[in-house]
Amino acid sequence: MFKEAATSGDSINLEEYTESVTGCISKCIDDVTVSKVITTHPNQKPCRAPGPDSIPGRVLRECADQLADVFTDIFNISLSTAVVPTCIKTTTIIPVPKKSTVSCLNDYRPVALTPIIMKCFERLVMRHINGQLPPSLDPLQFAYRPNRSTDDAITTTLHLALTHLDNKDTYCCS
């Protein structure tokens, strides 16, 4: 489904596409089990700052067994209704200085504090979607793929441009 939408040259009806994507993600309900919810919690680093919900990672790690059923229900209801609860999707933006001495607003970088619960939910949905993607994705697709980075994208682009410059009577295309 994702492959057809991504490679189709025809225009697509956004409403139909949204419904089909929601339907596909709703099939993820079977995958969101207590064991998967528990396995996402131990990966959280307990020393990180909590999100706007003020629930530290240490609490989630220590209480994963007790909270797994609750989070499984929340995640499954969220997937089946295609609505994420507002309380877990709020984010707090904190300005962090880039330098030790701050002279202007550009010396800050924004850091988003997201609830750890939301990160776990996003990870579960991402695992499901990545499992549905065909292995023959465009080789120039770098975002959201394992072992790919912006450095790879820049290197590939530079290689294409320099190869074009080295060869006469060619044009660069990707």
C-alpha atoms as a PDB file:
ATOM      1  CA  MET A   1       0.000   0.000   0.000  1.00  0.00           C
ATOM      2  CA  PHE A   2       2.764   2.459   0.923  1.00  0.00           C
ATOM      3  CA  LYS A   3       4.776   1.417  -2.136  1.00  0.00           C
ATOM      4  CA  GLU A   4       1.857   2.031  -4.491  1.00  0.00           C
ATOM      5  CA  ALA A   5       1.195   5.475  -3.033  1.00  0.00           C
ATOM      6  CA  ALA A   6       4.854   6.451  -3.104  1.00  0.00           C
ATOM      7  CA  THR A   7       5.543   5.269  -6.661  1.00  0.00           C
ATOM      8  CA  SER A   8       2.247   6.110  -8.316  1.00  0.00           C
ATOM      9  CA  GLY A   9       2.408   8.924 -10.838  1.00  0.00           C
ATOM     10  CA  ASP A  10      -1.333   9.507 -10.553  1.00  0.00           C
ATOM     11  CA  SER A  11      -2.773  11.929  -8.073  1.00  0.00           C
ATOM     12  CA  ILE A  12      -4.284  10.248  -5.038  1.00  0.00           C
ATOM     13  CA  ASN A  13      -7.337  11.097  -3.026  1.00  0.00           C
ATOM     14  CA  LEU A  14      -5.937  12.244   0.315  1.00  0.00           C
ATOM     15  CA  GLU A  15      -9.008  11.114   2.233  1.00  0.00           C
ATOM     16  CA  GLU A  16      -8.902   7.589   0.780  1.00  0.00           C
ATOM     17  CA  TYR A  17      -5.160   7.373   1.359  1.00  0.00           C
ATOM     18  CA  THR A  18      -5.545   8.497   4.992  1.00  0.00           C
ATOM     19  CA  GLU A  19      -8.229   5.876   5.565  1.00  0.00           C
ATOM     20  CA  SER A  20      -6.074   3.127   4.047  1.00  0.00           C
ATOM     21  CA  VAL A  21      -3.031   4.142   6.121  1.00  0.00           C
ATOM     22  CA  THR A  22      -5.184   4.265   9.260  1.00  0.00           C
ATOM     23  CA  GLY A  23      -6.518   0.816   8.410  1.00  0.00           C
ATOM     24  CA  CYS A  24      -3.018  -0.547   7.949  1.00  0.00           C
ATOM     25  CA  ILE A  25      -1.816   0.932  11.236  1.00  0.00           C
ATOM     26  CA  SER A  26      -4.921  -0.384  12.985  1.00  0.00           C
ATOM     27  CA  LYS A  27      -3.773  -3.880  11.983  1.00  0.00           C
ATOM     28  CA  CYS A  28      -0.825  -3.115  14.240  1.00  0.00           C
ATOM     29  CA  ILE A  29      -3.170  -3.695  17.205  1.00  0.00           C
ATOM     30  CA  ASP A  30      -2.301  -7.391  17.166  1.00  0.00           C
ATOM     31  CA  ASP A  31       1.393  -6.508  17.299  1.00  0.00           C
ATOM     32  CA  VAL A  32       1.046  -4.187  20.286  1.00  0.00           C
ATOM     33  CA  THR A  33       1.173  -6.775  23.016  1.00  0.00           C
ATOM     34  CA  VAL A  34       2.221  -6.604  26.619  1.00  0.00           C
ATOM     35  CA  SER A  35       5.632  -8.093  25.812  1.00  0.00           C
ATOM     36  CA  LYS A  36       6.391  -5.485  23.135  1.00  0.00           C
ATOM     37  CA  VAL A  37       5.343  -2.635  25.401  1.00  0.00           C
ATOM     38  CA  ILE A  38       7.574  -3.980  28.163  1.00  0.00           C
ATOM     39  CA  THR A  39      10.537  -4.382  25.832  1.00  0.00           C
ATOM     40  CA  THR A  40      10.351  -0.728  24.789  1.00  0.00           C
ATOM     41  CA  HIS A  41      10.631   0.584  28.352  1.00  0.00           C
ATOM     42  CA  PRO A  42      14.040  -0.850  29.340  1.00  0.00           C
ATOM     43  CA  ASN A  43      15.649   0.973  26.397  1.00  0.00           C
ATOM     44  CA  GLN A  44      14.855   4.305  28.015  1.00  0.00           C
ATOM     45  CA  LYS A  45      17.806   5.913  29.760  1.00  0.00           C
ATOM     46  CA  PRO A  46      16.686   6.700  33.313  1.00  0.00           C
ATOM     47  CA  CYS A  47      18.928   9.779  33.618  1.00  0.00           C
ATOM     48  CA  ARG A  48      17.198  11.681  30.795  1.00  0.00           C
ATOM     49  CA  ALA A  49      14.900  14.588  31.567  1.00  0.00           C
ATOM     50  CA  PRO A  50      11.226  13.659  31.795  1.00  0.00           C
ATOM     51  CA  GLY A  51       8.764  15.148  29.347  1.00  0.00           C
ATOM     52  CA  PRO A  52       5.852  17.460  30.155  1.00  0.00           C
ATOM     53  CA  ASP A  53       4.101  14.580  31.925  1.00  0.00           C
ATOM     54  CA  SER A  54       6.917  14.598  34.548  1.00  0.00           C
ATOM     55  CA  ILE A  55       7.168  10.791  34.518  1.00  0.00           C
ATOM     56  CA  PRO A  56      10.878   9.928  34.718  1.00  0.00           C
ATOM     57  CA  GLY A  57      12.306   7.027  32.726  1.00  0.00           C
ATOM     58  CA  ARG A  58      13.406   5.339  35.952  1.00  0.00           C
ATOM     59  CA  VAL A  59       9.776   4.985  37.069  1.00  0.00           C
ATOM     60  CA  LEU A  60       8.776   3.439  33.750  1.00  0.00           C
ATOM     61  CA  ARG A  61      11.725   1.055  33.853  1.00  0.00           C
ATOM     62  CA  GLU A  62      11.069  -0.051  37.437  1.00  0.00           C
ATOM     63  CA  CYS A  63       7.285  -0.370  36.976  1.00  0.00           C
ATOM     64  CA  ALA A  64       7.212  -1.780  33.434  1.00  0.00           C
ATOM     65  CA  ASP A  65       5.555  -5.034  34.514  1.00  0.00           C
ATOM     66  CA  GLN A  66       2.775  -3.236  36.374  1.00  0.00           C
ATOM     67  CA  LEU A  67       2.204  -0.598  33.661  1.00  0.00           C
ATOM     68  CA  ALA A  68       2.409  -2.846  30.586  1.00  0.00           C
ATOM     69  CA  ASP A  69      -1.292  -3.797  30.583  1.00  0.00           C
ATOM     70  CA  VAL A  70      -2.348  -0.150  30.981  1.00  0.00           C
ATOM     71  CA  PHE A  71      -0.102   1.075  28.171  1.00  0.00           C
ATOM     72  CA  THR A  72      -1.142  -1.799  25.926  1.00  0.00           C
ATOM     73  CA  ASP A  73      -4.784  -0.787  26.354  1.00  0.00           C
ATOM     74  CA  ILE A  74      -4.005   2.898  25.741  1.00  0.00           C
ATOM     75  CA  PHE A  75      -1.944   2.127  22.627  1.00  0.00           C
ATOM     76  CA  ASN A  76      -4.528  -0.273  21.195  1.00  0.00           C
ATOM     77  CA  ILE A  77      -7.419   2.160  21.777  1.00  0.00           C
ATOM     78  CA  SER A  78      -5.359   4.931  20.225  1.00  0.00           C
ATOM     79  CA  LEU A  79      -4.612   2.814  17.153  1.00  0.00           C
ATOM     80  CA  SER A  80      -8.184   1.620  16.712  1.00  0.00           C
ATOM     81  CA  THR A  81      -9.644   5.138  17.003  1.00  0.00           C
ATOM     82  CA  ALA A  82      -6.738   6.811  15.160  1.00  0.00           C
ATOM     83  CA  VAL A  83      -6.545   9.385  17.958  1.00  0.00           C
ATOM     84  CA  VAL A  84      -3.512   9.936  20.168  1.00  0.00           C
ATOM     85  CA  PRO A  85      -4.409  11.222  23.656  1.00  0.00           C
ATOM     86  CA  THR A  86      -3.459  14.865  24.039  1.00  0.00           C
ATOM     87  CA  CYS A  87      -1.728  14.249  27.349  1.00  0.00           C
ATOM     88  CA  ILE A  88       0.940  12.053  25.727  1.00  0.00           C
ATOM     89  CA  LYS A  89       1.522  14.099  22.594  1.00  0.00           C
ATOM     90  CA  THR A  90       2.354  17.407  24.257  1.00  0.00           C
ATOM     91  CA  THR A  91       5.947  18.563  23.962  1.00  0.00           C
ATOM     92  CA  THR A  92       7.914  21.186  25.838  1.00  0.00           C
ATOM     93  CA  ILE A  93      10.578  23.108  23.917  1.00  0.00           C
ATOM     94  CA  ILE A  94      13.578  24.085  26.036  1.00  0.00           C
ATOM     95  CA  PRO A  95      16.178  26.538  24.700  1.00  0.00           C
ATOM     96  CA  VAL A  96      19.673  25.168  25.387  1.00  0.00           C
ATOM     97  CA  PRO A  97      22.733  27.389  24.873  1.00  0.00           C
ATOM     98  CA  LYS A  98      25.083  26.290  22.098  1.00  0.00           C
ATOM     99  CA  LYS A  99      27.961  28.285  23.595  1.00  0.00           C
ATOM    100  CA  SER A 100      29.021  29.055  27.146  1.00  0.00           C
ATOM    101  CA  THR A 101      28.423  32.770  26.621  1.00  0.00           C
ATOM    102  CA  VAL A 102      25.115  33.668  25.039  1.00  0.00           C
ATOM    103  CA  SER A 103      24.941  36.959  23.143  1.00  0.00           C
ATOM    104  CA  CYS A 104      21.845  36.497  20.978  1.00  0.00           C
ATOM    105  CA  LEU A 105      18.902  34.176  20.410  1.00  0.00           C
ATOM    106  CA  ASN A 106      20.781  32.305  17.668  1.00  0.00           C
ATOM    107  CA  ASP A 107      23.138  31.019  20.363  1.00  0.00           C
ATOM    108  CA  TYR A 108      20.368  28.691  21.559  1.00  0.00           C
ATOM    109  CA  ARG A 109      19.201  25.419  20.071  1.00  0.00           C
ATOM    110  CA  PRO A 110      15.719  24.054  20.717  1.00  0.00           C
ATOM    111  CA  VAL A 111      15.406  20.745  22.551  1.00  0.00           C
ATOM    112  CA  ALA A 112      12.003  19.067  22.553  1.00  0.00           C
ATOM    113  CA  LEU A 113      11.041  17.174  25.701  1.00  0.00           C
ATOM    114  CA  THR A 114       8.496  14.542  24.686  1.00  0.00           C
ATOM    115  CA  PRO A 115       6.818  12.128  27.110  1.00  0.00           C
ATOM    116  CA  ILE A 116       8.622   8.783  27.201  1.00  0.00           C
ATOM    117  CA  ILE A 117       5.253   7.068  26.756  1.00  0.00           C
ATOM    118  CA  MET A 118       4.861   8.794  23.372  1.00  0.00           C
ATOM    119  CA  LYS A 119       8.369   7.766  22.318  1.00  0.00           C
ATOM    120  CA  CYS A 120       7.514   4.125  23.093  1.00  0.00           C
ATOM    121  CA  PHE A 121       4.282   4.397  21.103  1.00  0.00           C
ATOM    122  CA  GLU A 122       6.067   6.006  18.152  1.00  0.00           C
ATOM    123  CA  ARG A 123       8.712   3.269  18.236  1.00  0.00           C
ATOM    124  CA  LEU A 124       6.063   0.540  18.124  1.00  0.00           C
ATOM    125  CA  VAL A 125       4.243   2.139  15.175  1.00  0.00           C
ATOM    126  CA  MET A 126       7.549   2.766  13.371  1.00  0.00           C
ATOM    127  CA  ARG A 127       8.556  -0.896  13.771  1.00  0.00           C
ATOM    128  CA  HIS A 128       5.266  -1.971  12.252  1.00  0.00           C
ATOM    129  CA  ILE A 129       5.462   0.461   9.328  1.00  0.00           C
ATOM    130  CA  ASN A 130       9.114  -0.412   8.631  1.00  0.00           C
ATOM    131  CA  GLY A 131       8.128  -4.077   8.579  1.00  0.00           C
ATOM    132  CA  GLN A 132       5.568  -3.305   5.856  1.00  0.00           C
ATOM    133  CA  LEU A 133       7.961  -1.376   3.599  1.00  0.00           C
ATOM    134  CA  PRO A 134       9.388  -3.225   0.612  1.00  0.00           C
ATOM    135  CA  PRO A 135      13.117  -3.984   0.753  1.00  0.00           C
ATOM    136  CA  SER A 136      13.521  -2.444  -2.699  1.00  0.00           C
ATOM    137  CA  LEU A 137      13.100   1.180  -1.626  1.00  0.00           C
ATOM    138  CA  ASP A 138      14.814   3.869  -3.642  1.00  0.00           C
ATOM    139  CA  PRO A 139      18.556   3.709  -2.885  1.00  0.00           C
ATOM    140  CA  LEU A 140      18.511   7.492  -2.542  1.00  0.00           C
ATOM    141  CA  GLN A 141      16.076   7.277   0.393  1.00  0.00           C
ATOM    142  CA  PHE A 142      18.144   8.054   3.503  1.00  0.00           C
ATOM    143  CA  ALA A 143      15.652   9.230   6.120  1.00  0.00           C
ATOM    144  CA  TYR A 144      14.163   6.726   8.572  1.00  0.00           C
ATOM    145  CA  ARG A 145      16.314   3.860   7.336  1.00  0.00           C
ATOM    146  CA  PRO A 146      18.824   1.917   9.405  1.00  0.00           C
ATOM    147  CA  ASN A 147      22.506   2.576   8.735  1.00  0.00           C
ATOM    148  CA  ARG A 148      21.685   5.661   6.660  1.00  0.00           C
ATOM    149  CA  SER A 149      22.403   9.255   7.627  1.00  0.00           C
ATOM    150  CA  THR A 150      22.565  12.785   6.328  1.00  0.00           C
ATOM    151  CA  ASP A 151      26.294  12.214   5.799  1.00  0.00           C
ATOM    152  CA  ASP A 152      25.424   9.424   3.360  1.00  0.00           C
ATOM    153  CA  ALA A 153      22.980  11.700   1.543  1.00  0.00           C
ATOM    154  CA  ILE A 154      25.570  14.485   1.242  1.00  0.00           C
ATOM    155  CA  THR A 155      28.290  12.071   0.104  1.00  0.00           C
ATOM    156  CA  THR A 156      26.017  10.550  -2.539  1.00  0.00           C
ATOM    157  CA  THR A 157      24.935  13.964  -3.808  1.00  0.00           C
ATOM    158  CA  LEU A 158      28.534  15.196  -3.987  1.00  0.00           C
ATOM    159  CA  HIS A 159      29.574  12.025  -5.811  1.00  0.00           C
ATOM    160  CA  LEU A 160      26.797  12.492  -8.383  1.00  0.00           C
ATOM    161  CA  ALA A 161      27.701  16.162  -8.903  1.00  0.00           C
ATOM    162  CA  LEU A 162      31.447  15.537  -9.171  1.00  0.00           C
ATOM    163  CA  THR A 163      30.937  12.609 -11.549  1.00  0.00           C
ATOM    164  CA  HIS A 164      28.824  14.913 -13.698  1.00  0.00           C
ATOM    165  CA  LEU A 165      31.544  17.565 -13.708  1.00  0.00           C
ATOM    166  CA  ASP A 166      34.222  15.012 -14.657  1.00  0.00           C
ATOM    167  CA  ASN A 167      32.335  13.754 -17.708  1.00  0.00           C
ATOM    168  CA  LYS A 168      31.777  16.006 -20.689  1.00  0.00           C
ATOM    169  CA  ASP A 169      28.370  16.231 -22.358  1.00  0.00           C
ATOM    170  CA  THR A 170      26.503  14.721 -19.426  1.00  0.00           C
ATOM    171  CA  TYR A 171      23.813  16.013 -17.201  1.00  0.00           C
ATOM    172  CA  CYS A 172      23.277  15.267 -13.552  1.00  0.00           C
ATOM    173  CA  CYS A 173      20.134  13.470 -12.587  1.00  0.00           C
ATOM    174  CA  SER A 174      19.106  11.436  -9.601  1.00  0.00           C
END
